[in-house]
Amino acid sequence: MEESMEEEEGGSYEAMMDDQNHNNWEAAVDGFRQPLPPPPPPSSIPASAREPPGGQLLAVPAVSVDRKGPKEGLPMGPPPPPEANGVILMLKSCDAAAAVAKAAPAPTASSTININTSTSKFLMNVITIEDYKSTYWPKLDGAIDQLLTQSPGDYIPISYEQIYSCVYKCVCQQHSEQMYSDLIKKITNHLERVSKELQASPPDLYIERFNIALGQYMGALQSIVPLFIYMNKFYIETKLNRDLKDDLIKLFTEHVAEKHIYSLMPLLLEAQSTPFQVTPSTMANIVKGLYTLRPEWVQMAPTLFSKFIPNILPPAVESELSEYAAQDQKFQRELIQNGFTRGDQSRKRAGDELAYNSSSACASSRGYR
């Protein structure tokens, strides 16, 4: 009986609390649903109450909802009604922030793009085609000029490290094709000028000037090819399946040697028939250079080439020994006709015979017969 009464009292208490809480929540919801009065104009608010945008967001009280029931010892009370002043100030601060945003000048698209472009260019170290043409290629152009016009043994005041670095950066920035085209065009123009100068040379200076042009160009290649080694490795050999040195030698062959070979070869044959008309070193340099440029030119004068390059003529055979001896005798007669006597060789043979006779006499005196 007592237990049933206690249960009825407990149930009625819980029902009463549920009804009270339900009524409180409905009152709170109705309070939120009521329309708020319009905010006063900004001029009616004192300056001391005005705060920077966002400052009044903290003035709105937070509604705490406690989900724990009365059985846990934490009674649930009705939530406090919202304060209209906090909402008004929050709306006012939002309006002030919007006004500040409207007053501030918006960044233009061009300025944003320029900033992003300059920043990315600085970070990536990009070399544009304009940078290549205005900064990097002029340095290479000046160095190539000096290398092509230097004389053997001359000192050139250029920084090989700087030129090497320029080539490396241009290759890394995908300017290899343009740089190769500029290099070929540069050297081609130089060789065309050299060819015109040779054409204007008199016959007595033609061989010597051709030797100077050939030696100067081959010496320049020994410096130019190593400077462009990165371009050669990562562009010419990879994409063109060629070699830079072979391409530059081919340029001299096409623009100089082919244009002058038919004028040069008769002069070389004439100089060969006249001893010391051309120094042996000059003759050797030209013949070896022509053979390097185009080995097929050996067929134009095989005897001339065989005197400076081994294994040009076929091997000697026994049946032609008499012919070889006749050629040697002819060459000796030509030397004698040009003023070269055999006096030195005669004295040498006489000295050898005297030494042999004296040694034989000593041997006979000792009993060796």
Protein backbone atom coordinates (compact mmCIF):
# COMPACT_ATOMS: atom_id res chain seq x y z
CA MET A 1 0.00 0.00 0.00
CA GLU A 2 2.74 2.39 0.99
CA GLU A 3 4.81 1.31 -2.00
CA SER A 4 1.90 1.98 -4.38
CA MET A 5 1.39 5.40 -2.84
CA GLU A 6 5.05 6.20 -3.21
CA GLU A 7 4.95 5.11 -6.85
CA GLU A 8 1.88 7.25 -7.49
CA GLU A 9 3.54 10.23 -5.81
CA GLY A 10 6.74 9.67 -7.82
CA GLY A 11 4.81 9.34 -11.09
CA SER A 12 2.77 12.45 -10.42
CA TYR A 13 5.96 14.36 -9.58
CA GLU A 14 7.62 13.30 -12.83
CA ALA A 15 4.50 14.14 -14.84
CA MET A 16 4.34 17.54 -13.15
CA MET A 17 7.99 18.26 -13.97
CA ASP A 18 7.54 17.13 -17.57
CA ASP A 19 4.55 19.44 -17.99
CA GLN A 20 6.50 22.33 -16.45
CA ASN A 21 9.53 21.77 -18.67
CA HIS A 22 7.32 21.45 -21.74
CA ASN A 23 5.60 24.72 -20.98
CA ASN A 24 8.93 26.46 -20.40
CA TRP A 25 10.34 25.27 -23.75
CA GLU A 26 7.22 26.37 -25.58
CA ALA A 27 7.48 29.83 -24.01
CA ALA A 28 11.10 30.05 -25.04
CA VAL A 29 10.34 29.04 -28.61
CA ASP A 30 7.51 31.52 -28.80
CA GLY A 31 9.87 34.21 -27.55
CA PHE A 32 12.30 33.44 -30.38
CA ARG A 33 9.53 33.42 -32.93
CA GLN A 34 8.39 36.93 -32.07
CA PRO A 35 9.64 39.51 -34.61
CA LEU A 36 12.49 41.69 -33.41
CA PRO A 37 12.09 45.46 -33.41
CA PRO A 38 14.05 47.19 -36.23
CA PRO A 39 17.52 48.39 -35.26
CA PRO A 40 17.90 52.09 -34.53
CA PRO A 41 19.80 54.21 -37.07
CA PRO A 42 23.60 54.41 -36.54
CA SER A 43 23.43 58.11 -35.77
CA SER A 44 21.26 57.46 -32.67
CA ILE A 45 23.84 55.15 -31.12
CA PRO A 46 26.50 56.94 -29.05
CA ALA A 47 30.08 56.74 -30.24
CA SER A 48 31.12 54.96 -27.04
CA ALA A 49 28.78 52.06 -27.88
CA ARG A 50 30.19 51.64 -31.37
CA GLU A 51 32.77 48.87 -31.60
CA PRO A 52 34.83 47.51 -34.43
CA PRO A 53 33.30 44.88 -36.70
CA GLY A 54 33.00 41.52 -35.05
CA GLY A 55 33.48 42.89 -31.57
CA GLN A 56 29.83 42.47 -30.53
CA LEU A 57 29.60 38.86 -31.54
CA LEU A 58 30.55 37.91 -27.99
CA ALA A 59 27.64 39.97 -26.57
CA VAL A 60 25.04 37.38 -27.58
CA PRO A 61 24.39 35.05 -24.63
CA ALA A 62 24.62 31.40 -25.43
CA VAL A 63 21.56 29.27 -24.59
CA SER A 64 22.70 26.28 -22.59
CA VAL A 65 20.64 23.14 -22.93
CA ASP A 66 21.06 20.60 -20.16
CA ARG A 67 19.90 17.20 -21.24
CA LYS A 68 20.22 15.63 -17.78
CA GLY A 69 16.89 14.80 -16.09
CA PRO A 70 15.80 15.39 -12.49
CA LYS A 71 16.63 11.87 -11.50
CA GLU A 72 20.32 12.64 -11.81
CA GLY A 73 20.06 15.52 -9.35
CA LEU A 74 20.33 18.32 -11.97
CA PRO A 75 16.91 20.04 -12.36
CA MET A 76 16.24 21.52 -15.79
CA GLY A 77 15.22 25.15 -15.77
CA PRO A 78 13.76 27.25 -18.53
CA PRO A 79 16.36 28.83 -20.84
CA PRO A 80 16.74 32.59 -20.48
CA PRO A 81 15.09 34.64 -23.20
CA PRO A 82 17.46 36.16 -25.79
CA GLU A 83 18.52 39.71 -25.31
CA ALA A 84 17.44 41.95 -28.13
CA ASN A 85 20.38 44.29 -27.57
CA GLY A 86 22.92 41.55 -28.38
CA VAL A 87 21.18 40.66 -31.62
CA ILE A 88 20.89 44.32 -32.58
CA LEU A 89 24.57 44.94 -31.91
CA MET A 90 25.54 41.85 -33.89
CA LEU A 91 23.49 43.02 -36.87
CA LYS A 92 24.93 46.50 -36.50
CA SER A 93 28.50 45.16 -36.48
CA CYS A 94 27.77 43.14 -39.62
CA ASP A 95 26.49 46.28 -41.33
CA ALA A 96 29.59 48.19 -40.25
CA ALA A 97 31.85 45.41 -41.57
CA ALA A 98 30.02 45.49 -44.90
CA ALA A 99 30.45 49.27 -45.05
CA VAL A 100 34.19 48.96 -44.40
CA ALA A 101 34.47 46.31 -47.08
CA LYS A 102 32.68 48.54 -49.58
CA ALA A 103 34.90 51.51 -48.70
CA ALA A 104 38.15 49.54 -49.19
CA PRO A 105 39.32 49.42 -52.85
CA ALA A 106 39.04 45.95 -54.32
CA PRO A 107 42.25 44.50 -55.82
CA THR A 108 42.28 44.52 -59.59
CA ALA A 109 42.80 41.33 -61.55
CA SER A 110 45.90 42.67 -63.28
CA SER A 111 47.69 43.45 -60.04
CA THR A 112 46.90 40.00 -58.67
CA ILE A 113 48.17 38.31 -61.82
CA ASN A 114 51.37 40.37 -61.84
CA ILE A 115 52.10 39.52 -58.24
CA ASN A 116 51.50 35.82 -58.81
CA THR A 117 53.58 35.81 -61.99
CA SER A 118 56.53 37.59 -60.42
CA THR A 119 56.39 35.36 -57.37
CA SER A 120 56.30 32.16 -59.38
CA LYS A 121 59.08 33.44 -61.63
CA PHE A 122 61.23 34.21 -58.61
CA LEU A 123 60.58 30.82 -57.04
CA MET A 124 61.02 28.74 -60.17
CA ASN A 125 63.91 30.77 -61.69
CA VAL A 126 62.18 30.66 -65.05
CA ILE A 127 64.21 31.83 -68.06
CA THR A 128 61.77 33.10 -70.67
CA ILE A 129 62.62 33.35 -74.34
CA GLU A 130 63.01 37.11 -73.88
CA ASP A 131 65.52 36.52 -71.07
CA TYR A 132 67.42 34.11 -73.29
CA LYS A 133 67.62 36.55 -76.19
CA SER A 134 68.47 39.61 -74.11
CA THR A 135 70.77 38.16 -71.43
CA TYR A 136 72.07 34.67 -72.06
CA TRP A 137 72.67 34.42 -75.80
CA PRO A 138 74.60 37.74 -76.01
CA LYS A 139 77.12 36.31 -73.54
CA LEU A 140 77.49 33.14 -75.62
CA ASP A 141 77.67 35.13 -78.84
CA GLY A 142 80.56 37.26 -77.62
CA ALA A 143 82.50 34.25 -76.34
CA ILE A 144 82.06 32.36 -79.64
CA ASP A 145 83.31 35.40 -81.56
CA GLN A 146 86.50 35.49 -79.53
CA LEU A 147 87.07 31.75 -79.83
CA LEU A 148 86.61 31.74 -83.61
CA THR A 149 89.02 34.62 -84.21
CA GLN A 150 91.76 33.75 -81.75
CA SER A 151 95.24 32.84 -82.91
CA PRO A 152 96.91 29.71 -81.57
CA GLY A 153 98.46 30.45 -78.19
CA ASP A 154 96.49 33.68 -77.59
CA TYR A 155 94.90 34.33 -74.20
CA ILE A 156 91.18 35.09 -74.29
CA PRO A 157 89.77 37.08 -71.34
CA ILE A 158 86.48 35.18 -71.02
CA SER A 159 85.03 33.24 -68.13
CA TYR A 160 84.63 29.63 -69.20
CA GLU A 161 82.71 28.95 -65.98
CA GLN A 162 80.18 31.69 -66.78
CA ILE A 163 79.68 30.45 -70.34
CA TYR A 164 79.34 26.87 -69.15
CA SER A 165 76.76 27.97 -66.58
CA CYS A 166 74.74 29.88 -69.20
CA VAL A 167 74.57 26.82 -71.43
CA TYR A 168 73.55 24.62 -68.50
CA LYS A 169 70.72 26.95 -67.42
CA CYS A 170 69.38 27.32 -70.95
CA VAL A 171 69.33 23.56 -71.43
CA CYS A 172 67.48 23.08 -68.13
CA GLN A 173 64.90 25.70 -69.18
CA GLN A 174 64.15 23.95 -72.50
CA HIS A 175 66.00 26.43 -74.75
CA SER A 176 68.29 23.82 -76.34
CA GLU A 177 66.67 23.94 -79.75
CA GLN A 178 66.90 27.72 -79.98
CA MET A 179 70.47 27.74 -78.70
CA TYR A 180 71.56 25.08 -81.20
CA SER A 181 69.95 27.02 -84.04
CA ASP A 182 71.69 30.23 -82.96
CA LEU A 183 75.04 28.47 -82.67
CA ILE A 184 74.82 26.96 -86.16
CA LYS A 185 73.75 30.28 -87.65
CA LYS A 186 76.57 32.11 -85.87
CA ILE A 187 79.30 29.78 -87.08
CA THR A 188 77.85 29.60 -90.58
CA ASN A 189 78.04 33.38 -90.95
CA HIS A 190 81.63 33.33 -89.73
CA LEU A 191 82.66 30.63 -92.22
CA GLU A 192 81.05 32.48 -95.11
CA ARG A 193 83.18 35.52 -94.31
CA VAL A 194 86.28 33.32 -94.18
CA SER A 195 85.45 31.83 -97.57
CA LYS A 196 85.11 35.28 -99.15
CA GLU A 197 88.48 36.34 -97.73
CA LEU A 198 90.13 33.24 -99.21
CA GLN A 199 88.64 33.93 -102.61
CA ALA A 200 90.26 37.35 -102.58
CA SER A 201 93.71 35.96 -101.69
CA PRO A 202 96.50 35.94 -104.31
CA PRO A 203 97.86 32.52 -105.41
CA ASP A 204 101.17 32.90 -103.59
CA LEU A 205 99.33 33.43 -100.27
CA TYR A 206 96.40 31.12 -100.92
CA ILE A 207 97.87 27.98 -99.37
CA GLU A 208 99.17 29.75 -96.29
CA ARG A 209 95.88 31.55 -95.62
CA PHE A 210 93.89 28.37 -96.09
CA ASN A 211 96.16 26.70 -93.55
CA ILE A 212 95.59 29.55 -91.07
CA ALA A 213 91.80 29.41 -91.50
CA LEU A 214 91.72 25.64 -91.09
CA GLY A 215 93.96 25.62 -88.02
CA GLN A 216 92.12 28.51 -86.39
CA TYR A 217 88.75 26.85 -86.83
CA MET A 218 89.86 23.43 -85.59
CA GLY A 219 91.47 25.07 -82.58
CA ALA A 220 88.24 26.94 -81.79
CA LEU A 221 86.27 23.69 -81.86
CA GLN A 222 88.44 22.35 -79.04
CA SER A 223 86.93 25.05 -76.79
CA ILE A 224 83.44 25.44 -78.26
CA VAL A 225 82.45 21.77 -78.12
CA PRO A 226 83.24 21.33 -74.38
CA LEU A 227 81.36 24.55 -73.52
CA PHE A 228 78.20 23.16 -75.14
CA ILE A 229 78.58 19.65 -73.78
CA TYR A 230 75.21 19.75 -71.96
CA MET A 231 73.39 20.77 -75.13
CA ASN A 232 75.24 18.06 -77.03
CA LYS A 233 74.36 15.38 -74.50
CA PHE A 234 70.73 16.21 -73.78
CA TYR A 235 69.58 17.57 -77.15
CA ILE A 236 71.84 16.81 -80.13
CA GLU A 237 72.71 13.23 -79.21
CA THR A 238 69.28 12.43 -77.71
CA LYS A 239 66.87 14.09 -80.13
CA LEU A 240 68.93 14.61 -83.30
CA ASN A 241 71.08 11.46 -83.01
CA ARG A 242 74.16 13.42 -84.03
CA ASP A 243 77.29 14.89 -82.44
CA LEU A 244 78.08 18.58 -82.10
CA LYS A 245 81.70 18.25 -83.23
CA ASP A 246 80.70 16.36 -86.36
CA ASP A 247 78.11 19.00 -87.19
CA LEU A 248 80.62 21.85 -86.81
CA ILE A 249 83.26 20.07 -88.90
CA LYS A 250 80.62 19.52 -91.56
CA LEU A 251 79.96 23.27 -91.59
CA PHE A 252 83.60 24.01 -92.49
CA THR A 253 83.50 21.32 -95.18
CA GLU A 254 80.37 22.73 -96.82
CA HIS A 255 81.07 26.47 -96.55
CA VAL A 256 84.86 26.61 -97.01
CA ALA A 257 86.61 23.42 -98.12
CA GLU A 258 84.18 22.35 -100.85
CA LYS A 259 84.29 25.82 -102.37
CA HIS A 260 88.10 25.91 -102.51
CA ILE A 261 89.23 22.31 -103.00
CA TYR A 262 89.48 22.59 -106.79
CA SER A 263 91.56 25.75 -106.51
CA LEU A 264 93.67 24.47 -103.64
CA MET A 265 94.64 21.02 -104.96
CA PRO A 266 96.54 22.22 -108.11
CA LEU A 267 98.52 24.63 -105.97
CA LEU A 268 99.40 21.81 -103.53
CA LEU A 269 100.57 19.56 -106.38
CA GLU A 270 102.66 22.37 -107.80
CA ALA A 271 104.18 23.11 -104.41
CA GLN A 272 104.99 19.41 -104.00
CA SER A 273 107.02 19.38 -107.23
CA THR A 274 109.04 22.36 -106.04
CA PRO A 275 110.81 21.50 -102.76
CA PHE A 276 110.37 23.97 -99.91
CA GLN A 277 108.07 26.24 -101.86
CA VAL A 278 105.68 25.54 -98.99
CA THR A 279 106.97 24.56 -95.56
CA PRO A 280 106.56 20.85 -94.75
CA SER A 281 104.50 21.66 -91.64
CA THR A 282 102.01 23.71 -93.68
CA MET A 283 101.71 20.99 -96.29
CA ALA A 284 101.20 18.32 -93.63
CA ASN A 285 98.53 20.36 -91.81
CA ILE A 286 96.51 20.98 -94.95
CA VAL A 287 96.71 17.40 -96.25
CA LYS A 288 95.74 15.90 -92.89
CA GLY A 289 92.98 18.48 -92.46
CA LEU A 290 91.49 17.72 -95.86
CA TYR A 291 91.58 14.02 -95.09
CA THR A 292 89.73 14.68 -91.81
CA LEU A 293 87.09 16.77 -93.53
CA ARG A 294 86.44 14.29 -96.33
CA PRO A 295 88.50 11.12 -96.82
CA GLU A 296 87.18 10.74 -100.39
CA TRP A 297 89.42 13.61 -101.49
CA VAL A 298 92.38 11.20 -101.34
CA GLN A 299 91.42 10.03 -104.83
CA MET A 300 92.26 13.47 -106.22
CA ALA A 301 95.98 13.14 -105.33
CA PRO A 302 96.77 9.75 -103.71
CA THR A 303 100.53 10.23 -103.96
CA LEU A 304 100.35 13.57 -102.18
CA PHE A 305 98.19 12.19 -99.36
CA SER A 306 100.35 9.06 -99.00
CA LYS A 307 103.35 11.17 -98.01
CA PHE A 308 101.60 12.40 -94.86
CA ILE A 309 98.99 9.74 -94.10
CA PRO A 310 99.95 6.07 -93.75
CA ASN A 311 98.26 3.21 -95.58
CA ILE A 312 96.82 5.41 -98.29
CA LEU A 313 98.46 3.55 -101.18
CA PRO A 314 98.17 -0.21 -101.58
CA PRO A 315 101.00 -2.29 -100.03
CA ALA A 316 104.23 -2.70 -102.01
CA VAL A 317 104.75 -5.86 -104.02
CA GLU A 318 108.01 -7.43 -105.19
CA SER A 319 107.20 -7.00 -108.86
CA GLU A 320 107.13 -3.19 -108.46
CA LEU A 321 110.45 -2.76 -106.62
CA SER A 322 112.20 -1.59 -109.78
CA GLU A 323 109.55 1.06 -110.25
CA TYR A 324 110.01 2.27 -106.67
CA ALA A 325 113.77 2.48 -107.23
CA ALA A 326 113.26 4.52 -110.39
CA GLN A 327 111.02 6.94 -108.50
CA ASP A 328 113.67 7.42 -105.81
CA GLN A 329 116.38 8.06 -108.41
CA LYS A 330 114.16 10.60 -110.11
CA PHE A 331 113.60 12.38 -106.82
CA GLN A 332 117.37 12.49 -106.16
CA ARG A 333 118.05 13.99 -109.55
CA GLU A 334 115.45 16.68 -108.92
CA LEU A 335 117.14 17.53 -105.65
CA ILE A 336 120.50 17.83 -107.38
CA GLN A 337 119.02 20.06 -110.08
CA ASN A 338 117.65 22.36 -107.38
CA GLY A 339 121.09 22.81 -105.79
CA PHE A 340 121.20 19.97 -103.29
CA THR A 341 124.49 17.98 -103.67
CA ARG A 342 125.41 14.60 -102.33
CA GLY A 343 128.54 15.91 -100.60
CA ASP A 344 127.29 15.22 -97.09
CA GLN A 345 126.31 11.66 -97.93
CA SER A 346 129.63 11.08 -99.75
CA ARG A 347 131.63 12.21 -96.74
CA LYS A 348 129.52 10.02 -94.48
CA ARG A 349 130.16 6.98 -96.66
CA ALA A 350 133.88 7.81 -96.79
CA GLY A 351 134.00 7.99 -93.02
CA ASP A 352 132.24 4.64 -92.70
CA GLU A 353 134.71 3.02 -95.11
CA LEU A 354 137.70 4.45 -93.21
CA ALA A 355 136.39 3.12 -89.92
CA TYR A 356 135.78 -0.30 -91.45
CA ASN A 357 139.29 -0.50 -92.96
CA SER A 358 140.96 0.48 -89.68
CA SER A 359 139.01 -2.12 -87.71
CA SER A 360 139.97 -4.79 -90.25
CA ALA A 361 143.67 -3.86 -89.92
CA CYS A 362 143.54 -4.19 -86.15
CA ALA A 363 141.90 -7.56 -86.38
CA SER A 364 144.53 -8.87 -88.78
CA SER A 365 147.34 -7.69 -86.53
CA ARG A 366 145.91 -9.74 -83.68
CA GLY A 367 145.83 -12.91 -85.70
CA TYR A 368 142.16 -12.99 -86.60
CA ARG A 369 142.07 -13.98 -90.20
